[in-house]
C-alpha atoms as a PDB file:
ATOM      1  CA  UNK A   1       0.000   0.000   0.000  1.00  0.00           C
ATOM      2  CA  UNK A   2       2.801   2.368   0.924  1.00  0.00           C
ATOM      3  CA  UNK A   3       4.600   1.515  -2.327  1.00  0.00           C
ATOM      4  CA  UNK A   4       1.480   2.310  -4.350  1.00  0.00           C
ATOM      5  CA  UNK A   5       1.123   5.665  -2.621  1.00  0.00           C
ATOM      6  CA  UNK A   6       4.782   6.466  -3.322  1.00  0.00           C
ATOM      7  CA  UNK A   7       4.457   5.548  -7.008  1.00  0.00           C
ATOM      8  CA  UNK A   8       1.320   7.663  -7.311  1.00  0.00           C
ATOM      9  CA  UNK A   9       3.084  10.629  -5.669  1.00  0.00           C
ATOM     10  CA  UNK A  10       6.057  10.383  -8.050  1.00  0.00           C
ATOM     11  CA  UNK A  11       3.688  10.200 -11.037  1.00  0.00           C
ATOM     12  CA  UNK A  12       1.886  13.339  -9.877  1.00  0.00           C
ATOM     13  CA  UNK A  13       5.248  15.106  -9.484  1.00  0.00           C
ATOM     14  CA  UNK A  14       6.272  14.134 -13.013  1.00  0.00           C
ATOM     15  CA  UNK A  15       2.948  15.310 -14.432  1.00  0.00           C
ATOM     16  CA  UNK A  16       3.231  18.580 -12.540  1.00  0.00           C
ATOM     17  CA  UNK A  17       6.798  19.080 -13.782  1.00  0.00           C
ATOM     18  CA  UNK A  18       5.761  18.274 -17.367  1.00  0.00           C
ATOM     19  CA  UNK A  19       2.914  20.795 -17.187  1.00  0.00           C
ATOM     20  CA  UNK A  20       5.313  23.432 -15.868  1.00  0.00           C
ATOM     21  CA  UNK A  21       7.814  22.743 -18.689  1.00  0.00           C
ATOM     22  CA  UNK A  22       5.057  22.904 -21.313  1.00  0.00           C
ATOM     23  CA  UNK A  23       3.755  26.156 -19.828  1.00  0.00           C
ATOM     24  CA  UNK A  24       7.234  27.713 -19.909  1.00  0.00           C
ATOM     25  CA  UNK A  25       7.751  26.512 -23.497  1.00  0.00           C
ATOM     26  CA  UNK A  26       4.380  27.977 -24.523  1.00  0.00           C
ATOM     27  CA  UNK A  27       5.209  31.318 -22.900  1.00  0.00           C
ATOM     28  CA  UNK A  28       8.591  31.404 -24.691  1.00  0.00           C
ATOM     29  CA  UNK A  29       6.969  30.606 -28.051  1.00  0.00           C
ATOM     30  CA  UNK A  30       4.361  33.332 -27.562  1.00  0.00           C
ATOM     31  CA  UNK A  31       7.107  35.775 -26.572  1.00  0.00           C
ATOM     32  CA  UNK A  32       9.139  34.953 -29.698  1.00  0.00           C
ATOM     33  CA  UNK A  33       6.038  35.325 -31.887  1.00  0.00           C
ATOM     34  CA  UNK A  34       5.332  38.697 -30.280  1.00  0.00           C
ATOM     35  CA  UNK A  35       8.896  39.866 -30.979  1.00  0.00           C
ATOM     36  CA  UNK A  36       8.599  38.662 -34.584  1.00  0.00           C
ATOM     37  CA  UNK A  37       5.272  40.463 -34.972  1.00  0.00           C
ATOM     38  CA  UNK A  38       6.756  43.690 -33.628  1.00  0.00           C
ATOM     39  CA  UNK A  39       9.803  43.454 -35.911  1.00  0.00           C
ATOM     40  CA  UNK A  40       7.700  42.728 -38.993  1.00  0.00           C
ATOM     41  CA  UNK A  41       5.303  45.508 -38.027  1.00  0.00           C
ATOM     42  CA  UNK A  42       8.137  47.998 -37.697  1.00  0.00           C
ATOM     43  CA  UNK A  43       9.526  46.987 -41.086  1.00  0.00           C
ATOM     44  CA  UNK A  44       6.274  47.143 -43.019  1.00  0.00           C
ATOM     45  CA  UNK A  45       4.841  50.173 -41.261  1.00  0.00           C
ATOM     46  CA  UNK A  46       7.774  52.190 -42.561  1.00  0.00           C
ATOM     47  CA  UNK A  47       6.176  52.262 -45.984  1.00  0.00           C
ATOM     48  CA  UNK A  48       7.171  50.783 -49.322  1.00  0.00           C
ATOM     49  CA  UNK A  49       9.925  53.291 -50.003  1.00  0.00           C
ATOM     50  CA  UNK A  50      12.622  55.065 -47.998  1.00  0.00           C
ATOM     51  CA  UNK A  51      15.634  57.243 -48.790  1.00  0.00           C
ATOM     52  CA  UNK A  52      18.848  57.200 -46.775  1.00  0.00           C
ATOM     53  CA  UNK A  53      21.860  59.516 -46.859  1.00  0.00           C
ATOM     54  CA  UNK A  54      25.360  58.322 -46.021  1.00  0.00           C
ATOM     55  CA  UNK A  55      26.460  60.454 -43.061  1.00  0.00           C
ATOM     56  CA  UNK A  56      29.833  61.004 -44.773  1.00  0.00           C
ATOM     57  CA  UNK A  57      28.055  62.888 -47.553  1.00  0.00           C
ATOM     58  CA  UNK A  58      26.797  65.367 -44.983  1.00  0.00           C
ATOM     59  CA  UNK A  59      29.700  65.656 -42.555  1.00  0.00           C
ATOM     60  CA  UNK A  60      32.497  65.531 -45.152  1.00  0.00           C
ATOM     61  CA  UNK A  61      30.826  67.022 -48.234  1.00  0.00           C
ATOM     62  CA  UNK A  62      27.873  69.069 -47.025  1.00  0.00           C
ATOM     63  CA  UNK A  63      25.140  67.168 -48.912  1.00  0.00           C
ATOM     64  CA  UNK A  64      21.615  67.057 -47.527  1.00  0.00           C
ATOM     65  CA  UNK A  65      18.312  65.445 -48.531  1.00  0.00           C
ATOM     66  CA  UNK A  66      14.899  67.030 -47.979  1.00  0.00           C
ATOM     67  CA  UNK A  67      11.348  66.884 -49.322  1.00  0.00           C
ATOM     68  CA  UNK A  68      10.325  70.452 -48.469  1.00  0.00           C
ATOM     69  CA  UNK A  69      12.266  73.244 -50.232  1.00  0.00           C
ATOM     70  CA  UNK A  70      11.282  75.594 -47.384  1.00  0.00           C
ATOM     71  CA  UNK A  71      12.654  73.293 -44.676  1.00  0.00           C
ATOM     72  CA  UNK A  72      16.230  72.304 -45.424  1.00  0.00           C
ATOM     73  CA  UNK A  73      17.746  70.481 -42.464  1.00  0.00           C
ATOM     74  CA  UNK A  74      20.031  67.490 -42.152  1.00  0.00           C
ATOM     75  CA  UNK A  75      18.198  64.195 -42.086  1.00  0.00           C
ATOM     76  CA  UNK A  76      19.694  60.776 -42.612  1.00  0.00           C
ATOM     77  CA  UNK A  77      16.396  59.240 -43.788  1.00  0.00           C
ATOM     78  CA  UNK A  78      13.164  60.175 -45.530  1.00  0.00           C
ATOM     79  CA  UNK A  79      10.115  57.892 -45.463  1.00  0.00           C
ATOM     80  CA  UNK A  80       7.479  57.769 -48.185  1.00  0.00           C
ATOM     81  CA  UNK A  81       4.046  56.560 -47.012  1.00  0.00           C
ATOM     82  CA  UNK A  82       2.550  53.723 -49.027  1.00  0.00           C
ATOM     83  CA  UNK A  83      -0.723  54.177 -50.927  1.00  0.00           C
ATOM     84  CA  UNK A  84      -3.836  52.698 -49.366  1.00  0.00           C
ATOM     85  CA  UNK A  85      -4.167  50.191 -52.210  1.00  0.00           C
ATOM     86  CA  UNK A  86      -1.653  48.736 -54.640  1.00  0.00           C
ATOM     87  CA  UNK A  87      -3.644  47.035 -57.377  1.00  0.00           C
ATOM     88  CA  UNK A  88      -2.177  46.724 -60.872  1.00  0.00           C
ATOM     89  CA  UNK A  89      -2.537  49.690 -63.224  1.00  0.00           C
ATOM     90  CA  UNK A  90      -1.220  50.816 -66.606  1.00  0.00           C
ATOM     91  CA  UNK A  91       1.630  53.284 -66.932  1.00  0.00           C
ATOM     92  CA  UNK A  92      -0.725  55.245 -69.200  1.00  0.00           C
ATOM     93  CA  UNK A  93      -2.830  56.103 -66.152  1.00  0.00           C
ATOM     94  CA  UNK A  94      -0.027  58.006 -64.431  1.00  0.00           C
ATOM     95  CA  UNK A  95      -0.378  61.816 -64.493  1.00  0.00           C
ATOM     96  CA  UNK A  96       1.770  63.486 -67.134  1.00  0.00           C
ATOM     97  CA  UNK A  97       2.841  66.138 -64.623  1.00  0.00           C
ATOM     98  CA  UNK A  98       3.721  63.663 -61.869  1.00  0.00           C
ATOM     99  CA  UNK A  99       7.303  64.974 -61.635  1.00  0.00           C
ATOM    100  CA  UNK A 100       6.212  68.605 -61.311  1.00  0.00           C
ATOM    101  CA  UNK A 101       5.258  68.391 -57.637  1.00  0.00           C
ATOM    102  CA  UNK A 102       7.179  70.548 -55.152  1.00  0.00           C
ATOM    103  CA  UNK A 103       8.052  67.735 -52.788  1.00  0.00           C
ATOM    104  CA  UNK A 104       6.930  65.012 -50.423  1.00  0.00           C
ATOM    105  CA  UNK A 105       4.330  62.312 -50.972  1.00  0.00           C
ATOM    106  CA  UNK A 106       1.816  62.651 -53.790  1.00  0.00           C
ATOM    107  CA  UNK A 107       0.504  59.113 -54.172  1.00  0.00           C
ATOM    108  CA  UNK A 108      -2.384  58.351 -56.490  1.00  0.00           C
ATOM    109  CA  UNK A 109      -4.726  55.430 -57.001  1.00  0.00           C
ATOM    110  CA  UNK A 110      -2.558  52.303 -56.805  1.00  0.00           C
ATOM    111  CA  UNK A 111       0.822  53.979 -57.195  1.00  0.00           C
ATOM    112  CA  UNK A 112       3.446  55.513 -54.945  1.00  0.00           C
ATOM    113  CA  UNK A 113       4.915  58.903 -55.879  1.00  0.00           C
ATOM    114  CA  UNK A 114       7.446  60.808 -53.809  1.00  0.00           C
ATOM    115  CA  UNK A 115       9.552  63.875 -54.604  1.00  0.00           C
ATOM    116  CA  UNK A 116      12.684  64.979 -52.773  1.00  0.00           C
ATOM    117  CA  UNK A 117      15.941  66.842 -53.290  1.00  0.00           C
ATOM    118  CA  UNK A 118      19.691  66.391 -52.882  1.00  0.00           C
ATOM    119  CA  UNK A 119      21.614  69.638 -52.377  1.00  0.00           C
ATOM    120  CA  UNK A 120      25.278  70.489 -51.994  1.00  0.00           C
ATOM    121  CA  UNK A 121      25.434  72.973 -49.112  1.00  0.00           C
ATOM    122  CA  UNK A 122      29.213  72.703 -48.883  1.00  0.00           C
ATOM    123  CA  UNK A 123      31.959  74.839 -50.421  1.00  0.00           C
ATOM    124  CA  UNK A 124      33.544  72.276 -52.723  1.00  0.00           C
ATOM    125  CA  UNK A 125      32.679  70.428 -55.913  1.00  0.00           C
ATOM    126  CA  UNK A 126      32.045  66.806 -55.017  1.00  0.00           C
ATOM    127  CA  UNK A 127      30.263  63.672 -56.231  1.00  0.00           C
ATOM    128  CA  UNK A 128      27.877  61.029 -54.945  1.00  0.00           C
ATOM    129  CA  UNK A 129      26.462  57.621 -55.814  1.00  0.00           C
ATOM    130  CA  UNK A 130      22.817  56.632 -55.736  1.00  0.00           C
ATOM    131  CA  UNK A 131      21.399  53.124 -55.752  1.00  0.00           C
ATOM    132  CA  UNK A 132      17.871  51.743 -55.676  1.00  0.00           C
ATOM    133  CA  UNK A 133      17.557  48.413 -53.885  1.00  0.00           C
ATOM    134  CA  UNK A 134      14.624  46.064 -53.263  1.00  0.00           C
ATOM    135  CA  UNK A 135      14.736  45.015 -49.608  1.00  0.00           C
ATOM    136  CA  UNK A 136      12.011  42.404 -49.426  1.00  0.00           C
ATOM    137  CA  UNK A 137       9.757  40.558 -51.850  1.00  0.00           C
ATOM    138  CA  UNK A 138       6.722  38.356 -51.199  1.00  0.00           C
ATOM    139  CA  UNK A 139       5.093  36.177 -53.879  1.00  0.00           C
ATOM    140  CA  UNK A 140       7.489  37.420 -56.605  1.00  0.00           C
ATOM    141  CA  UNK A 141       5.548  40.644 -57.026  1.00  0.00           C
ATOM    142  CA  UNK A 142       8.748  42.284 -58.305  1.00  0.00           C
ATOM    143  CA  UNK A 143       8.213  40.411 -61.583  1.00  0.00           C
ATOM    144  CA  UNK A 144       5.577  42.998 -62.529  1.00  0.00           C
ATOM    145  CA  UNK A 145       6.744  46.036 -60.553  1.00  0.00           C
ATOM    146  CA  UNK A 146       7.868  49.226 -62.281  1.00  0.00           C
ATOM    147  CA  UNK A 147      10.166  51.708 -60.562  1.00  0.00           C
ATOM    148  CA  UNK A 148      10.470  55.024 -62.358  1.00  0.00           C
ATOM    149  CA  UNK A 149      13.149  57.496 -61.320  1.00  0.00           C
ATOM    150  CA  UNK A 150      12.812  61.101 -62.435  1.00  0.00           C
ATOM    151  CA  UNK A 151      16.082  62.972 -62.045  1.00  0.00           C
ATOM    152  CA  UNK A 152      15.738  66.665 -62.824  1.00  0.00           C
ATOM    153  CA  UNK A 153      12.731  65.834 -64.983  1.00  0.00           C
ATOM    154  CA  UNK A 154      14.393  63.026 -66.950  1.00  0.00           C
ATOM    155  CA  UNK A 155      12.631  59.690 -66.411  1.00  0.00           C
ATOM    156  CA  UNK A 156      14.023  56.155 -66.438  1.00  0.00           C
ATOM    157  CA  UNK A 157      11.703  53.215 -65.778  1.00  0.00           C
ATOM    158  CA  UNK A 158      13.246  50.031 -64.351  1.00  0.00           C
ATOM    159  CA  UNK A 159      11.821  46.502 -64.513  1.00  0.00           C
ATOM    160  CA  UNK A 160      13.013  42.921 -64.288  1.00  0.00           C
ATOM    161  CA  UNK A 161      13.712  41.122 -67.534  1.00  0.00           C
ATOM    162  CA  UNK A 162      10.765  39.251 -69.021  1.00  0.00           C
ATOM    163  CA  UNK A 163      10.514  35.478 -68.844  1.00  0.00           C
ATOM    164  CA  UNK A 164      12.106  35.446 -72.317  1.00  0.00           C
ATOM    165  CA  UNK A 165      15.149  37.247 -70.940  1.00  0.00           C
ATOM    166  CA  UNK A 166      14.368  40.487 -72.772  1.00  0.00           C
ATOM    167  CA  UNK A 167      13.753  44.013 -71.400  1.00  0.00           C
ATOM    168  CA  UNK A 168      10.125  44.888 -70.799  1.00  0.00           C
ATOM    169  CA  UNK A 169       8.861  47.526 -73.289  1.00  0.00           C
ATOM    170  CA  UNK A 170       9.991  51.029 -72.407  1.00  0.00           C
ATOM    171  CA  UNK A 171      12.120  49.924 -69.458  1.00  0.00           C
ATOM    172  CA  UNK A 172      15.730  49.473 -68.401  1.00  0.00           C
ATOM    173  CA  UNK A 173      16.519  46.070 -66.822  1.00  0.00           C
ATOM    174  CA  UNK A 174      17.458  45.870 -63.167  1.00  0.00           C
ATOM    175  CA  UNK A 175      21.168  46.551 -62.666  1.00  0.00           C
ATOM    176  CA  UNK A 176      21.750  43.301 -60.751  1.00  0.00           C
ATOM    177  CA  UNK A 177      18.577  41.296 -60.076  1.00  0.00           C
ATOM    178  CA  UNK A 178      20.502  38.600 -58.186  1.00  0.00           C
ATOM    179  CA  UNK A 179      21.415  41.219 -55.580  1.00  0.00           C
ATOM    180  CA  UNK A 180      18.027  42.994 -55.865  1.00  0.00           C
ATOM    181  CA  UNK A 181      19.869  46.055 -57.187  1.00  0.00           C
ATOM    182  CA  UNK A 182      17.513  48.048 -59.379  1.00  0.00           C
ATOM    183  CA  UNK A 183      19.636  51.028 -60.401  1.00  0.00           C
ATOM    184  CA  UNK A 184      23.076  52.510 -59.829  1.00  0.00           C
ATOM    185  CA  UNK A 185      24.111  56.057 -60.745  1.00  0.00           C
ATOM    186  CA  UNK A 186      27.191  58.199 -60.235  1.00  0.00           C
ATOM    187  CA  UNK A 187      26.816  61.982 -60.098  1.00  0.00           C
ATOM    188  CA  UNK A 188      30.134  63.750 -60.699  1.00  0.00           C
ATOM    189  CA  UNK A 189      31.093  67.432 -60.409  1.00  0.00           C
ATOM    190  CA  UNK A 190      28.239  68.265 -58.041  1.00  0.00           C
ATOM    191  CA  UNK A 191      28.979  71.908 -57.286  1.00  0.00           C
ATOM    192  CA  UNK A 192      28.218  74.137 -54.282  1.00  0.00           C
ATOM    193  CA  UNK A 193      24.568  75.197 -54.242  1.00  0.00           C
ATOM    194  CA  UNK A 194      23.640  72.633 -56.891  1.00  0.00           C
ATOM    195  CA  UNK A 195      20.355  70.773 -56.392  1.00  0.00           C
ATOM    196  CA  UNK A 196      19.193  67.495 -57.931  1.00  0.00           C
ATOM    197  CA  UNK A 197      15.445  66.880 -57.840  1.00  0.00           C
ATOM    198  CA  UNK A 198      14.185  63.294 -57.713  1.00  0.00           C
ATOM    199  CA  UNK A 199      10.706  61.865 -58.087  1.00  0.00           C
ATOM    200  CA  UNK A 200      10.196  58.154 -57.490  1.00  0.00           C
ATOM    201  CA  UNK A 201       7.088  56.420 -58.855  1.00  0.00           C
ATOM    202  CA  UNK A 202       6.323  52.759 -58.092  1.00  0.00           C
ATOM    203  CA  UNK A 203       3.439  50.682 -59.426  1.00  0.00           C
ATOM    204  CA  UNK A 204       2.464  47.176 -60.546  1.00  0.00           C
ATOM    205  CA  UNK A 205       2.186  47.136 -64.329  1.00  0.00           C
ATOM    206  CA  UNK A 206      -1.014  45.390 -65.435  1.00  0.00           C
ATOM    207  CA  UNK A 207       0.211  44.845 -69.005  1.00  0.00           C
ATOM    208  CA  UNK A 208       3.186  42.798 -67.795  1.00  0.00           C
ATOM    209  CA  UNK A 209       2.717  39.112 -68.662  1.00  0.00           C
ATOM    210  CA  UNK A 210       3.977  38.246 -65.169  1.00  0.00           C
ATOM    211  CA  UNK A 211       1.121  40.240 -63.625  1.00  0.00           C
ATOM    212  CA  UNK A 212      -1.057  37.207 -62.849  1.00  0.00           C
ATOM    213  CA  UNK A 213      -3.046  35.857 -59.914  1.00  0.00           C
ATOM    214  CA  UNK A 214       0.200  34.270 -58.683  1.00  0.00           C
ATOM    215  CA  UNK A 215       1.360  37.615 -57.298  1.00  0.00           C
ATOM    216  CA  UNK A 216      -1.908  38.454 -55.549  1.00  0.00           C
ATOM    217  CA  UNK A 217      -1.208  39.356 -51.937  1.00  0.00           C
ATOM    218  CA  UNK A 218       2.435  40.070 -52.710  1.00  0.00           C
ATOM    219  CA  UNK A 219       4.444  42.772 -50.981  1.00  0.00           C
ATOM    220  CA  UNK A 220       7.724  44.536 -51.620  1.00  0.00           C
ATOM    221  CA  UNK A 221       9.934  47.159 -50.055  1.00  0.00           C
ATOM    222  CA  UNK A 222      12.374  49.467 -51.797  1.00  0.00           C
ATOM    223  CA  UNK A 223      14.934  51.969 -50.596  1.00  0.00           C
ATOM    224  CA  UNK A 224      17.239  54.469 -52.269  1.00  0.00           C
ATOM    225  CA  UNK A 225      20.709  55.057 -50.849  1.00  0.00           C
ATOM    226  CA  UNK A 226      22.934  58.064 -51.416  1.00  0.00           C
ATOM    227  CA  UNK A 227      26.511  57.062 -50.751  1.00  0.00           C
ATOM    228  CA  UNK A 228      29.943  58.648 -50.761  1.00  0.00           C
ATOM    229  CA  UNK A 229      31.346  55.575 -52.493  1.00  0.00           C
ATOM    230  CA  UNK A 230      30.265  52.198 -53.807  1.00  0.00           C
ATOM    231  CA  UNK A 231      31.773  48.825 -52.985  1.00  0.00           C
ATOM    232  CA  UNK A 232      32.858  47.349 -56.326  1.00  0.00           C
ATOM    233  CA  UNK A 233      32.102  43.882 -55.018  1.00  0.00           C
END
């Protein structure tokens, strides 16, 4: 009888210990999921497009970025809010004067549009590099995305190569799709007081053959860096 009671007590202890271990494991899993949710939320709540300035361009060369010509202060990052919806459209639907805005966000139906400036506030002639990079892609939506860069009114539209390995009509292929590098540009002889105006327009092109139901629910994030130099590798 005493042996039976002892065995029953040990069994209850093991069950209690197992429940405690499972409870701790569950709490840890929930905590990790919460951290992941917060991280993902921070990433995707920052919008679909951001612009960053290498601090060396400001401290060593006097370059600044801004989206309000009446408010020129040093900022290392500009954030463009995403449009409420991002359904596919045709490039023909974009306003013809889309690059004539003064600055900041001017999104339209199903496209992102953002205008900003790079200015040399220093005393010397200098140079800078710009690069457009896709940070994250879900459901291969980049297959049908168009990224148009207006630089001082001159537009270049970037897109991935078609499934046939040819440039999409009216576009320039991504600089290095394996590295998600969309565009790379070097601006030389950027003089004191000189200003470069940029307008970025992003949309999903409905006429692209890769614009199918397979990309429904897809997401993507893009950023534009302004650097003092570029790693050749």
